[in-house]
Amino acid sequence: ESAGVALVNATRESMRMADMVEGM
């Protein structure tokens, strides 16, 4: 319902992917 909050959520999840790739 709040674009700003949702985009922060998606950014945090995207950083999880980046951390996984860095570990790989």
mmCIF file of all heavy atoms, coordinates in Angstrom:
data_MODEL
# 
_entry.id   MODEL 
# 
loop_
_atom_site.group_PDB 
_atom_site.id 
_atom_site.type_symbol 
_atom_site.label_atom_id 
_atom_site.label_alt_id 
_atom_site.label_comp_id 
_atom_site.label_asym_id 
_atom_site.label_entity_id 
_atom_site.label_seq_id 
_atom_site.pdbx_PDB_ins_code 
_atom_site.Cartn_x 
_atom_site.Cartn_y 
_atom_site.Cartn_z 
_atom_site.occupancy 
_atom_site.B_iso_or_equiv 
_atom_site.pdbx_formal_charge 
_atom_site.auth_seq_id 
_atom_site.auth_comp_id 
_atom_site.auth_asym_id 
_atom_site.auth_atom_id 
_atom_site.pdbx_PDB_model_num 
ATOM 1   N N   . GLU A 1 1  ? 0.818  -1.206  0.000  1.00 0.00 ? 1  GLU A N   1 
ATOM 2   C CA  . GLU A 1 1  ? 0.000  0.000   0.000  1.00 0.00 ? 1  GLU A CA  1 
ATOM 3   C C   . GLU A 1 1  ? 0.857  1.263   0.000  1.00 0.00 ? 1  GLU A C   1 
ATOM 4   O O   . GLU A 1 1  ? 0.374  2.343   -0.316 1.00 0.00 ? 1  GLU A O   1 
ATOM 5   C CB  . GLU A 1 1  ? -0.920 0.002   1.220  1.00 0.00 ? 1  GLU A CB  1 
ATOM 6   C CG  . GLU A 1 1  ? -1.947 -1.124  1.208  1.00 0.00 ? 1  GLU A CG  1 
ATOM 7   C CD  . GLU A 1 1  ? -2.853 -1.082  2.417  1.00 0.00 ? 1  GLU A CD  1 
ATOM 8   O OE1 . GLU A 1 1  ? -2.752 -0.101  3.193  1.00 0.00 ? 1  GLU A OE1 1 
ATOM 9   O OE2 . GLU A 1 1  ? -3.663 -2.009  2.594  1.00 0.00 ? 1  GLU A OE2 1 
ATOM 10  N N   . SER A 1 2  ? 2.112  1.139   0.396  1.00 0.00 ? 2  SER A N   1 
ATOM 11  C CA  . SER A 1 2  ? 3.041  2.276   0.413  1.00 0.00 ? 2  SER A CA  1 
ATOM 12  C C   . SER A 1 2  ? 4.221  1.953   -0.481 1.00 0.00 ? 2  SER A C   1 
ATOM 13  O O   . SER A 1 2  ? 5.028  1.069   -0.170 1.00 0.00 ? 2  SER A O   1 
ATOM 14  C CB  . SER A 1 2  ? 3.515  2.568   1.841  1.00 0.00 ? 2  SER A CB  1 
ATOM 15  O OG  . SER A 1 2  ? 4.576  3.498   1.837  1.00 0.00 ? 2  SER A OG  1 
ATOM 16  N N   . ALA A 1 3  ? 4.323  2.656   -1.619 1.00 0.00 ? 3  ALA A N   1 
ATOM 17  C CA  . ALA A 1 3  ? 5.375  2.349   -2.588 1.00 0.00 ? 3  ALA A CA  1 
ATOM 18  C C   . ALA A 1 3  ? 6.766  2.495   -1.977 1.00 0.00 ? 3  ALA A C   1 
ATOM 19  O O   . ALA A 1 3  ? 7.652  1.672   -2.222 1.00 0.00 ? 3  ALA A O   1 
ATOM 20  C CB  . ALA A 1 3  ? 5.242  3.266   -3.801 1.00 0.00 ? 3  ALA A CB  1 
ATOM 21  N N   . GLY A 1 4  ? 6.967  3.540   -1.166 1.00 0.00 ? 4  GLY A N   1 
ATOM 22  C CA  . GLY A 1 4  ? 8.281  3.764   -0.574 1.00 0.00 ? 4  GLY A CA  1 
ATOM 23  C C   . GLY A 1 4  ? 8.712  2.608   0.300  1.00 0.00 ? 4  GLY A C   1 
ATOM 24  O O   . GLY A 1 4  ? 9.861  2.139   0.229  1.00 0.00 ? 4  GLY A O   1 
ATOM 25  N N   . VAL A 1 5  ? 7.805  2.110   1.129  1.00 0.00 ? 5  VAL A N   1 
ATOM 26  C CA  . VAL A 1 5  ? 8.125  0.994   2.015  1.00 0.00 ? 5  VAL A CA  1 
ATOM 27  C C   . VAL A 1 5  ? 8.369  -0.269  1.205  1.00 0.00 ? 5  VAL A C   1 
ATOM 28  O O   . VAL A 1 5  ? 9.326  -1.013  1.449  1.00 0.00 ? 5  VAL A O   1 
ATOM 29  C CB  . VAL A 1 5  ? 6.986  0.769   3.028  1.00 0.00 ? 5  VAL A CB  1 
ATOM 30  C CG1 . VAL A 1 5  ? 7.294  -0.405  3.935  1.00 0.00 ? 5  VAL A CG1 1 
ATOM 31  C CG2 . VAL A 1 5  ? 6.766  2.019   3.866  1.00 0.00 ? 5  VAL A CG2 1 
ATOM 32  N N   . ALA A 1 6  ? 7.513  -0.535  0.236  1.00 0.00 ? 6  ALA A N   1 
ATOM 33  C CA  . ALA A 1 6  ? 7.642  -1.751  -0.572 1.00 0.00 ? 6  ALA A CA  1 
ATOM 34  C C   . ALA A 1 6  ? 8.956  -1.769  -1.343 1.00 0.00 ? 6  ALA A C   1 
ATOM 35  O O   . ALA A 1 6  ? 9.601  -2.824  -1.476 1.00 0.00 ? 6  ALA A O   1 
ATOM 36  C CB  . ALA A 1 6  ? 6.463  -1.862  -1.538 1.00 0.00 ? 6  ALA A CB  1 
ATOM 37  N N   . LEU A 1 7  ? 9.389  -0.624  -1.852 1.00 0.00 ? 7  LEU A N   1 
ATOM 38  C CA  . LEU A 1 7  ? 10.658 -0.566  -2.592 1.00 0.00 ? 7  LEU A CA  1 
ATOM 39  C C   . LEU A 1 7  ? 11.840 -0.817  -1.667 1.00 0.00 ? 7  LEU A C   1 
ATOM 40  O O   . LEU A 1 7  ? 12.832 -1.439  -2.080 1.00 0.00 ? 7  LEU A O   1 
ATOM 41  C CB  . LEU A 1 7  ? 10.792 0.786   -3.286 1.00 0.00 ? 7  LEU A CB  1 
ATOM 42  C CG  . LEU A 1 7  ? 9.836  1.013   -4.465 1.00 0.00 ? 7  LEU A CG  1 
ATOM 43  C CD1 . LEU A 1 7  ? 9.934  2.434   -4.978 1.00 0.00 ? 7  LEU A CD1 1 
ATOM 44  C CD2 . LEU A 1 7  ? 10.121 0.025   -5.600 1.00 0.00 ? 7  LEU A CD2 1 
ATOM 45  N N   . VAL A 1 8  ? 11.762 -0.341  -0.428 1.00 0.00 ? 8  VAL A N   1 
ATOM 46  C CA  . VAL A 1 8  ? 12.814 -0.659  0.548  1.00 0.00 ? 8  VAL A CA  1 
ATOM 47  C C   . VAL A 1 8  ? 12.837 -2.161  0.814  1.00 0.00 ? 8  VAL A C   1 
ATOM 48  O O   . VAL A 1 8  ? 13.907 -2.779  0.897  1.00 0.00 ? 8  VAL A O   1 
ATOM 49  C CB  . VAL A 1 8  ? 12.604 0.127   1.859  1.00 0.00 ? 8  VAL A CB  1 
ATOM 50  C CG1 . VAL A 1 8  ? 13.544 -0.372  2.945  1.00 0.00 ? 8  VAL A CG1 1 
ATOM 51  C CG2 . VAL A 1 8  ? 12.835 1.613   1.625  1.00 0.00 ? 8  VAL A CG2 1 
ATOM 52  N N   . ASN A 1 9  ? 11.663 -2.776  0.932  1.00 0.00 ? 9  ASN A N   1 
ATOM 53  C CA  . ASN A 1 9  ? 11.594 -4.222  1.134  1.00 0.00 ? 9  ASN A CA  1 
ATOM 54  C C   . ASN A 1 9  ? 12.253 -4.970  -0.023 1.00 0.00 ? 9  ASN A C   1 
ATOM 55  O O   . ASN A 1 9  ? 13.028 -5.908  0.186  1.00 0.00 ? 9  ASN A O   1 
ATOM 56  C CB  . ASN A 1 9  ? 10.135 -4.662  1.255  1.00 0.00 ? 9  ASN A CB  1 
ATOM 57  C CG  . ASN A 1 9  ? 9.468  -4.142  2.509  1.00 0.00 ? 9  ASN A CG  1 
ATOM 58  O OD1 . ASN A 1 9  ? 10.126 -3.612  3.393  1.00 0.00 ? 9  ASN A OD1 1 
ATOM 59  N ND2 . ASN A 1 9  ? 8.158  -4.291  2.584  1.00 0.00 ? 9  ASN A ND2 1 
ATOM 60  N N   . ALA A 1 10 ? 11.914 -4.566  -1.249 1.00 0.00 ? 10 ALA A N   1 
ATOM 61  C CA  . ALA A 1 10 ? 12.493 -5.226  -2.426 1.00 0.00 ? 10 ALA A CA  1 
ATOM 62  C C   . ALA A 1 10 ? 14.000 -5.010  -2.489 1.00 0.00 ? 10 ALA A C   1 
ATOM 63  O O   . ALA A 1 10 ? 14.754 -5.913  -2.895 1.00 0.00 ? 10 ALA A O   1 
ATOM 64  C CB  . ALA A 1 10 ? 11.820 -4.695  -3.695 1.00 0.00 ? 10 ALA A CB  1 
ATOM 65  N N   . THR A 1 11 ? 14.454 -3.828  -2.081 1.00 0.00 ? 11 THR A N   1 
ATOM 66  C CA  . THR A 1 11 ? 15.900 -3.557  -2.064 1.00 0.00 ? 11 THR A CA  1 
ATOM 67  C C   . THR A 1 11 ? 16.606 -4.474  -1.076 1.00 0.00 ? 11 THR A C   1 
ATOM 68  O O   . THR A 1 11 ? 17.676 -5.025  -1.368 1.00 0.00 ? 11 THR A O   1 
ATOM 69  C CB  . THR A 1 11 ? 16.154 -2.082  -1.692 1.00 0.00 ? 11 THR A CB  1 
ATOM 70  O OG1 . THR A 1 11 ? 15.548 -1.241  -2.662 1.00 0.00 ? 11 THR A OG1 1 
ATOM 71  C CG2 . THR A 1 11 ? 17.643 -1.790  -1.629 1.00 0.00 ? 11 THR A CG2 1 
ATOM 72  N N   . ARG A 1 12 ? 16.027 -4.629  0.118  1.00 0.00 ? 12 ARG A N   1 
ATOM 73  C CA  . ARG A 1 12 ? 16.617 -5.509  1.125  1.00 0.00 ? 12 ARG A CA  1 
ATOM 74  C C   . ARG A 1 12 ? 16.699 -6.949  0.615  1.00 0.00 ? 12 ARG A C   1 
ATOM 75  O O   . ARG A 1 12 ? 17.716 -7.631  0.809  1.00 0.00 ? 12 ARG A O   1 
ATOM 76  C CB  . ARG A 1 12 ? 15.770 -5.460  2.394  1.00 0.00 ? 12 ARG A CB  1 
ATOM 77  C CG  . ARG A 1 12 ? 15.795 -4.125  3.113  1.00 0.00 ? 12 ARG A CG  1 
ATOM 78  C CD  . ARG A 1 12 ? 16.926 -4.018  4.086  1.00 0.00 ? 12 ARG A CD  1 
ATOM 79  N NE  . ARG A 1 12 ? 16.756 -4.969  5.177  1.00 0.00 ? 12 ARG A NE  1 
ATOM 80  C CZ  . ARG A 1 12 ? 17.674 -5.196  6.108  1.00 0.00 ? 12 ARG A CZ  1 
ATOM 81  N NH1 . ARG A 1 12 ? 18.801 -4.553  6.065  1.00 0.00 ? 12 ARG A NH1 1 
ATOM 82  N NH2 . ARG A 1 12 ? 17.465 -6.063  7.070  1.00 0.00 ? 12 ARG A NH2 1 
ATOM 83  N N   . GLU A 1 13 ? 15.648 -7.405  -0.049 1.00 0.00 ? 13 GLU A N   1 
ATOM 84  C CA  . GLU A 1 13 ? 15.662 -8.778  -0.564 1.00 0.00 ? 13 GLU A CA  1 
ATOM 85  C C   . GLU A 1 13 ? 16.676 -8.914  -1.691 1.00 0.00 ? 13 GLU A C   1 
ATOM 86  O O   . GLU A 1 13 ? 17.336 -9.953  -1.820 1.00 0.00 ? 13 GLU A O   1 
ATOM 87  C CB  . GLU A 1 13 ? 14.266 -9.145  -1.050 1.00 0.00 ? 13 GLU A CB  1 
ATOM 88  C CG  . GLU A 1 13 ? 13.969 -10.626 -1.044 1.00 0.00 ? 13 GLU A CG  1 
ATOM 89  C CD  . GLU A 1 13 ? 13.919 -11.200 0.360  1.00 0.00 ? 13 GLU A CD  1 
ATOM 90  O OE1 . GLU A 1 13 ? 13.048 -10.802 1.150  1.00 0.00 ? 13 GLU A OE1 1 
ATOM 91  O OE2 . GLU A 1 13 ? 14.775 -12.068 0.661  1.00 0.00 ? 13 GLU A OE2 1 
ATOM 92  N N   . SER A 1 14 ? 16.814 -7.876  -2.507 1.00 0.00 ? 14 SER A N   1 
ATOM 93  C CA  . SER A 1 14 ? 17.803 -7.896  -3.590 1.00 0.00 ? 14 SER A CA  1 
ATOM 94  C C   . SER A 1 14 ? 19.221 -7.970  -3.031 1.00 0.00 ? 14 SER A C   1 
ATOM 95  O O   . SER A 1 14 ? 20.103 -8.626  -3.602 1.00 0.00 ? 14 SER A O   1 
ATOM 96  C CB  . SER A 1 14 ? 17.647 -6.654  -4.467 1.00 0.00 ? 14 SER A CB  1 
ATOM 97  O OG  . SER A 1 14 ? 16.361 -6.569  -5.020 1.00 0.00 ? 14 SER A OG  1 
ATOM 98  N N   . MET A 1 15 ? 19.448 -7.287  -1.904 1.00 0.00 ? 15 MET A N   1 
ATOM 99  C CA  . MET A 1 15 ? 20.769 -7.347  -1.282 1.00 0.00 ? 15 MET A CA  1 
ATOM 100 C C   . MET A 1 15 ? 21.061 -8.751  -0.740 1.00 0.00 ? 15 MET A C   1 
ATOM 101 O O   . MET A 1 15 ? 22.217 -9.173  -0.684 1.00 0.00 ? 15 MET A O   1 
ATOM 102 C CB  . MET A 1 15 ? 20.866 -6.316  -0.159 1.00 0.00 ? 15 MET A CB  1 
ATOM 103 C CG  . MET A 1 15 ? 21.038 -4.898  -0.648 1.00 0.00 ? 15 MET A CG  1 
ATOM 104 S SD  . MET A 1 15 ? 22.458 -4.731  -1.770 1.00 0.00 ? 15 MET A SD  1 
ATOM 105 C CE  . MET A 1 15 ? 23.795 -5.302  -0.729 1.00 0.00 ? 15 MET A CE  1 
ATOM 106 N N   . ARG A 1 16 ? 20.025 -9.486  -0.340 1.00 0.00 ? 16 ARG A N   1 
ATOM 107 C CA  . ARG A 1 16 ? 20.236 -10.888 0.036  1.00 0.00 ? 16 ARG A CA  1 
ATOM 108 C C   . ARG A 1 16 ? 20.784 -11.671 -1.155 1.00 0.00 ? 16 ARG A C   1 
ATOM 109 O O   . ARG A 1 16 ? 21.690 -12.511 -1.012 1.00 0.00 ? 16 ARG A O   1 
ATOM 110 C CB  . ARG A 1 16 ? 18.925 -11.524 0.490  1.00 0.00 ? 16 ARG A CB  1 
ATOM 111 C CG  . ARG A 1 16 ? 18.511 -11.210 1.917  1.00 0.00 ? 16 ARG A CG  1 
ATOM 112 C CD  . ARG A 1 16 ? 17.334 -12.089 2.320  1.00 0.00 ? 16 ARG A CD  1 
ATOM 113 N NE  . ARG A 1 16 ? 17.706 -13.476 2.385  1.00 0.00 ? 16 ARG A NE  1 
ATOM 114 C CZ  . ARG A 1 16 ? 16.885 -14.502 2.150  1.00 0.00 ? 16 ARG A CZ  1 
ATOM 115 N NH1 . ARG A 1 16 ? 15.641 -14.278 1.780  1.00 0.00 ? 16 ARG A NH1 1 
ATOM 116 N NH2 . ARG A 1 16 ? 17.309 -15.740 2.255  1.00 0.00 ? 16 ARG A NH2 1 
ATOM 117 N N   . MET A 1 17 ? 20.230 -11.401 -2.345 1.00 0.00 ? 17 MET A N   1 
ATOM 118 C CA  . MET A 1 17 ? 20.728 -12.075 -3.541 1.00 0.00 ? 17 MET A CA  1 
ATOM 119 C C   . MET A 1 17 ? 22.179 -11.702 -3.803 1.00 0.00 ? 17 MET A C   1 
ATOM 120 O O   . MET A 1 17 ? 23.004 -12.564 -4.140 1.00 0.00 ? 17 MET A O   1 
ATOM 121 C CB  . MET A 1 17 ? 19.862 -11.707 -4.745 1.00 0.00 ? 17 MET A CB  1 
ATOM 122 C CG  . MET A 1 17 ? 18.438 -12.218 -4.688 1.00 0.00 ? 17 MET A CG  1 
ATOM 123 S SD  . MET A 1 17 ? 17.503 -11.820 -6.203 1.00 0.00 ? 17 MET A SD  1 
ATOM 124 C CE  . MET A 1 17 ? 18.384 -12.796 -7.426 1.00 0.00 ? 17 MET A CE  1 
ATOM 125 N N   . ALA A 1 18 ? 22.503 -10.413 -3.635 1.00 0.00 ? 18 ALA A N   1 
ATOM 126 C CA  . ALA A 1 18 ? 23.887 -9.974  -3.861 1.00 0.00 ? 18 ALA A CA  1 
ATOM 127 C C   . ALA A 1 18 ? 24.830 -10.639 -2.869 1.00 0.00 ? 18 ALA A C   1 
ATOM 128 O O   . ALA A 1 18 ? 25.953 -11.039 -3.228 1.00 0.00 ? 18 ALA A O   1 
ATOM 129 C CB  . ALA A 1 18 ? 23.970 -8.454  -3.743 1.00 0.00 ? 18 ALA A CB  1 
ATOM 130 N N   . ASP A 1 19 ? 24.393 -10.768 -1.616 1.00 0.00 ? 19 ASP A N   1 
ATOM 131 C CA  . ASP A 1 19 ? 25.237 -11.436 -0.612 1.00 0.00 ? 19 ASP A CA  1 
ATOM 132 C C   . ASP A 1 19 ? 25.464 -12.902 -0.982 1.00 0.00 ? 19 ASP A C   1 
ATOM 133 O O   . ASP A 1 19 ? 26.565 -13.440 -0.795 1.00 0.00 ? 19 ASP A O   1 
ATOM 134 C CB  . ASP A 1 19 ? 24.586 -11.343 0.771  1.00 0.00 ? 19 ASP A CB  1 
ATOM 135 C CG  . ASP A 1 19 ? 24.586 -9.930  1.326  1.00 0.00 ? 19 ASP A CG  1 
ATOM 136 O OD1 . ASP A 1 19 ? 25.380 -9.105  0.837  1.00 0.00 ? 19 ASP A OD1 1 
ATOM 137 O OD2 . ASP A 1 19 ? 23.782 -9.643  2.234  1.00 0.00 ? 19 ASP A OD2 1 
ATOM 138 N N   . MET A 1 20 ? 24.411 -13.549 -1.495 1.00 0.00 ? 20 MET A N   1 
ATOM 139 C CA  . MET A 1 20 ? 24.551 -14.953 -1.901 1.00 0.00 ? 20 MET A CA  1 
ATOM 140 C C   . MET A 1 20 ? 25.533 -15.101 -3.058 1.00 0.00 ? 20 MET A C   1 
ATOM 141 O O   . MET A 1 20 ? 26.370 -16.014 -3.074 1.00 0.00 ? 20 MET A O   1 
ATOM 142 C CB  . MET A 1 20 ? 23.183 -15.518 -2.265 1.00 0.00 ? 20 MET A CB  1 
ATOM 143 C CG  . MET A 1 20 ? 22.251 -15.668 -1.064 1.00 0.00 ? 20 MET A CG  1 
ATOM 144 S SD  . MET A 1 20 ? 20.517 -15.995 -1.526 1.00 0.00 ? 20 MET A SD  1 
ATOM 145 C CE  . MET A 1 20 ? 20.666 -17.628 -2.240 1.00 0.00 ? 20 MET A CE  1 
ATOM 146 N N   . VAL A 1 21 ? 25.439 -14.190 -4.023 1.00 0.00 ? 21 VAL A N   1 
ATOM 147 C CA  . VAL A 1 21 ? 26.357 -14.241 -5.167 1.00 0.00 ? 21 VAL A CA  1 
ATOM 148 C C   . VAL A 1 21 ? 27.782 -13.965 -4.726 1.00 0.00 ? 21 VAL A C   1 
ATOM 149 O O   . VAL A 1 21 ? 28.733 -14.615 -5.189 1.00 0.00 ? 21 VAL A O   1 
ATOM 150 C CB  . VAL A 1 21 ? 25.897 -13.237 -6.245 1.00 0.00 ? 21 VAL A CB  1 
ATOM 151 C CG1 . VAL A 1 21 ? 27.043 -12.916 -7.195 1.00 0.00 ? 21 VAL A CG1 1 
ATOM 152 C CG2 . VAL A 1 21 ? 24.723 -13.796 -7.024 1.00 0.00 ? 21 VAL A CG2 1 
ATOM 153 N N   . GLU A 1 22 ? 27.942 -13.004 -3.804 1.00 0.00 ? 22 GLU A N   1 
ATOM 154 C CA  . GLU A 1 22 ? 29.288 -12.727 -3.291 1.00 0.00 ? 22 GLU A CA  1 
ATOM 155 C C   . GLU A 1 22 ? 29.870 -13.968 -2.610 1.00 0.00 ? 22 GLU A C   1 
ATOM 156 O O   . GLU A 1 22 ? 31.054 -14.283 -2.780 1.00 0.00 ? 22 GLU A O   1 
ATOM 157 C CB  . GLU A 1 22 ? 29.239 -11.562 -2.307 1.00 0.00 ? 22 GLU A CB  1 
ATOM 158 C CG  . GLU A 1 22 ? 30.619 -11.127 -1.825 1.00 0.00 ? 22 GLU A CG  1 
ATOM 159 C CD  . GLU A 1 22 ? 30.555 -9.914  -0.920 1.00 0.00 ? 22 GLU A CD  1 
ATOM 160 O OE1 . GLU A 1 22 ? 29.452 -9.556  -0.468 1.00 0.00 ? 22 GLU A OE1 1 
ATOM 161 O OE2 . GLU A 1 22 ? 31.622 -9.324  -0.648 1.00 0.00 ? 22 GLU A OE2 1 
ATOM 162 N N   . GLY A 1 23 ? 29.043 -14.686 -1.849 1.00 0.00 ? 23 GLY A N   1 
ATOM 163 C CA  . GLY A 1 23 ? 29.511 -15.923 -1.224 1.00 0.00 ? 23 GLY A CA  1 
ATOM 164 C C   . GLY A 1 23 ? 29.870 -16.988 -2.244 1.00 0.00 ? 23 GLY A C   1 
ATOM 165 O O   . GLY A 1 23 ? 30.804 -17.769 -2.030 1.00 0.00 ? 23 GLY A O   1 
ATOM 166 N N   . MET A 1 24 ? 29.128 -17.042 -3.354 1.00 0.00 ? 24 MET A N   1 
ATOM 167 C CA  . MET A 1 24 ? 29.428 -18.013 -4.408 1.00 0.00 ? 24 MET A CA  1 
ATOM 168 C C   . MET A 1 24 ? 30.758 -17.699 -5.094 1.00 0.00 ? 24 MET A C   1 
ATOM 169 O O   . MET A 1 24 ? 31.511 -18.608 -5.462 1.00 0.00 ? 24 MET A O   1 
ATOM 170 C CB  . MET A 1 24 ? 28.300 -18.026 -5.439 1.00 0.00 ? 24 MET A CB  1 
ATOM 171 C CG  . MET A 1 24 ? 26.975 -18.555 -4.902 1.00 0.00 ? 24 MET A CG  1 
ATOM 172 S SD  . MET A 1 24 ? 25.572 -18.257 -6.030 1.00 0.00 ? 24 MET A SD  1 
ATOM 173 C CE  . MET A 1 24 ? 25.960 -19.366 -7.375 1.00 0.00 ? 24 MET A CE  1 
# 
